[in-house]
Amino acid sequence: MPRVEPPLPGMPEPAAPVTPKARPARRVARFRSKNRTLCGDCCALIHALGVELAPFPRAAKWRVSTGTTIAYLCDLHVEDS
């Protein structure tokens, strides 16, 4: 166990340790790419419903990170997630 030295006379007290800020669980940022990136949820709908029934996939405009996962979403799906 480290020994704590008392402060010298006339010296200020040591500052309290700073606690790190908690990072938000979900972070949303605007996303722009030179290449067209499709929305992940729109592509998932194509796989779930099939090409005939699913709507045309939209371009991704938002980058949503939750912990270690990153998703690229369009305007419609960023509100739902």
C-alpha atoms as a PDB file:
ATOM      1  CA  MET A   1       0.000   0.000   0.000  1.00  0.00           C
ATOM      2  CA  PRO A   2       1.527   3.378  -0.945  1.00  0.00           C
ATOM      3  CA  ARG A   3       2.334   5.760   1.855  1.00  0.00           C
ATOM      4  CA  VAL A   4       0.546   9.128   1.714  1.00  0.00           C
ATOM      5  CA  GLU A   5       2.774  12.033   2.690  1.00  0.00           C
ATOM      6  CA  PRO A   6       1.150  14.945   4.541  1.00  0.00           C
ATOM      7  CA  PRO A   7       1.422  18.258   2.651  1.00  0.00           C
ATOM      8  CA  LEU A   8       4.194  20.609   3.644  1.00  0.00           C
ATOM      9  CA  PRO A   9       3.210  23.677   5.698  1.00  0.00           C
ATOM     10  CA  GLY A  10       2.037  26.557   3.504  1.00  0.00           C
ATOM     11  CA  MET A  11       1.433  24.328   0.478  1.00  0.00           C
ATOM     12  CA  PRO A  12      -2.061  23.937  -1.026  1.00  0.00           C
ATOM     13  CA  GLU A  13      -3.971  20.717  -0.580  1.00  0.00           C
ATOM     14  CA  PRO A  14      -3.685  18.272  -3.482  1.00  0.00           C
ATOM     15  CA  ALA A  15      -6.541  18.439  -5.973  1.00  0.00           C
ATOM     16  CA  ALA A  16      -9.215  15.787  -5.874  1.00  0.00           C
ATOM     17  CA  PRO A  17      -8.857  13.167  -8.621  1.00  0.00           C
ATOM     18  CA  VAL A  18     -10.981  13.826 -11.689  1.00  0.00           C
ATOM     19  CA  THR A  19     -13.531  11.164 -12.531  1.00  0.00           C
ATOM     20  CA  PRO A  20     -13.921  10.470 -16.262  1.00  0.00           C
ATOM     21  CA  LYS A  21     -17.202  11.346 -17.908  1.00  0.00           C
ATOM     22  CA  ALA A  22     -19.467   8.485 -18.824  1.00  0.00           C
ATOM     23  CA  ARG A  23     -19.732   8.040 -22.588  1.00  0.00           C
ATOM     24  CA  PRO A  24     -23.246   7.997 -23.992  1.00  0.00           C
ATOM     25  CA  ALA A  25     -24.588   4.553 -24.741  1.00  0.00           C
ATOM     26  CA  ARG A  26     -25.793   5.632 -28.194  1.00  0.00           C
ATOM     27  CA  ARG A  27     -24.068   8.186 -30.377  1.00  0.00           C
ATOM     28  CA  VAL A  28     -25.493   9.600 -33.621  1.00  0.00           C
ATOM     29  CA  ALA A  29     -23.407  11.590 -36.097  1.00  0.00           C
ATOM     30  CA  ARG A  30     -24.003  12.924 -39.603  1.00  0.00           C
ATOM     31  CA  PHE A  31     -22.366  10.701 -42.247  1.00  0.00           C
ATOM     32  CA  ARG A  32     -21.151  11.721 -45.688  1.00  0.00           C
ATOM     33  CA  SER A  33     -19.309   9.459 -48.083  1.00  0.00           C
ATOM     34  CA  LYS A  34     -17.921   9.902 -51.579  1.00  0.00           C
ATOM     35  CA  ASN A  35     -19.250   6.466 -52.471  1.00  0.00           C
ATOM     36  CA  ARG A  36     -22.926   5.744 -52.047  1.00  0.00           C
ATOM     37  CA  THR A  37     -23.507   3.770 -48.858  1.00  0.00           C
ATOM     38  CA  LEU A  38     -26.904   2.156 -48.449  1.00  0.00           C
ATOM     39  CA  CYS A  39     -28.900   2.128 -45.213  1.00  0.00           C
ATOM     40  CA  GLY A  40     -28.369  -1.078 -43.254  1.00  0.00           C
ATOM     41  CA  ASP A  41     -32.023  -1.346 -42.193  1.00  0.00           C
ATOM     42  CA  CYS A  42     -33.254  -0.824 -45.768  1.00  0.00           C
ATOM     43  CA  CYS A  43     -30.979  -3.642 -46.920  1.00  0.00           C
ATOM     44  CA  ALA A  44     -32.227  -5.857 -44.074  1.00  0.00           C
ATOM     45  CA  LEU A  45     -35.809  -5.249 -45.286  1.00  0.00           C
ATOM     46  CA  ILE A  46     -34.827  -6.449 -48.757  1.00  0.00           C
ATOM     47  CA  HIS A  47     -33.483  -9.677 -47.276  1.00  0.00           C
ATOM     48  CA  ALA A  48     -36.533 -10.144 -45.040  1.00  0.00           C
ATOM     49  CA  LEU A  49     -39.319  -9.261 -47.518  1.00  0.00           C
ATOM     50  CA  GLY A  50     -37.690 -10.087 -50.809  1.00  0.00           C
ATOM     51  CA  VAL A  51     -36.853  -7.889 -53.763  1.00  0.00           C
ATOM     52  CA  GLU A  52     -40.450  -7.766 -55.022  1.00  0.00           C
ATOM     53  CA  LEU A  53     -42.036  -6.439 -51.807  1.00  0.00           C
ATOM     54  CA  ALA A  54     -39.300  -4.322 -50.205  1.00  0.00           C
ATOM     55  CA  PRO A  55     -38.939  -0.611 -50.972  1.00  0.00           C
ATOM     56  CA  PHE A  56     -35.886   0.695 -52.802  1.00  0.00           C
ATOM     57  CA  PRO A  57     -32.988   1.183 -50.312  1.00  0.00           C
ATOM     58  CA  ARG A  58     -32.120   4.761 -49.360  1.00  0.00           C
ATOM     59  CA  ALA A  59     -28.681   6.312 -48.973  1.00  0.00           C
ATOM     60  CA  ALA A  60     -27.178   6.317 -45.467  1.00  0.00           C
ATOM     61  CA  LYS A  61     -26.926   9.785 -43.922  1.00  0.00           C
ATOM     62  CA  TRP A  62     -26.341   8.908 -40.258  1.00  0.00           C
ATOM     63  CA  ARG A  63     -23.685   6.899 -38.421  1.00  0.00           C
ATOM     64  CA  VAL A  64     -25.067   5.345 -35.227  1.00  0.00           C
ATOM     65  CA  SER A  65     -22.580   3.769 -32.824  1.00  0.00           C
ATOM     66  CA  THR A  66     -23.619   1.741 -29.818  1.00  0.00           C
ATOM     67  CA  GLY A  67     -20.658   0.399 -27.916  1.00  0.00           C
ATOM     68  CA  THR A  68     -18.640  -1.521 -30.499  1.00  0.00           C
ATOM     69  CA  THR A  69     -21.328  -1.772 -33.202  1.00  0.00           C
ATOM     70  CA  ILE A  70     -21.658   0.805 -35.966  1.00  0.00           C
ATOM     71  CA  ALA A  71     -24.707   1.164 -38.223  1.00  0.00           C
ATOM     72  CA  TYR A  72     -25.209   3.449 -41.212  1.00  0.00           C
ATOM     73  CA  LEU A  73     -28.862   4.529 -41.431  1.00  0.00           C
ATOM     74  CA  CYS A  74     -31.103   6.745 -43.551  1.00  0.00           C
ATOM     75  CA  ASP A  75     -33.306   9.566 -42.229  1.00  0.00           C
ATOM     76  CA  LEU A  76     -36.318   7.282 -41.833  1.00  0.00           C
ATOM     77  CA  HIS A  77     -34.566   4.526 -39.863  1.00  0.00           C
ATOM     78  CA  VAL A  78     -32.438   6.733 -37.597  1.00  0.00           C
ATOM     79  CA  GLU A  79     -35.638   7.899 -35.856  1.00  0.00           C
ATOM     80  CA  ASP A  80     -36.784   4.306 -35.283  1.00  0.00           C
ATOM     81  CA  SER A  81     -33.569   3.015 -33.752  1.00  0.00           C
END
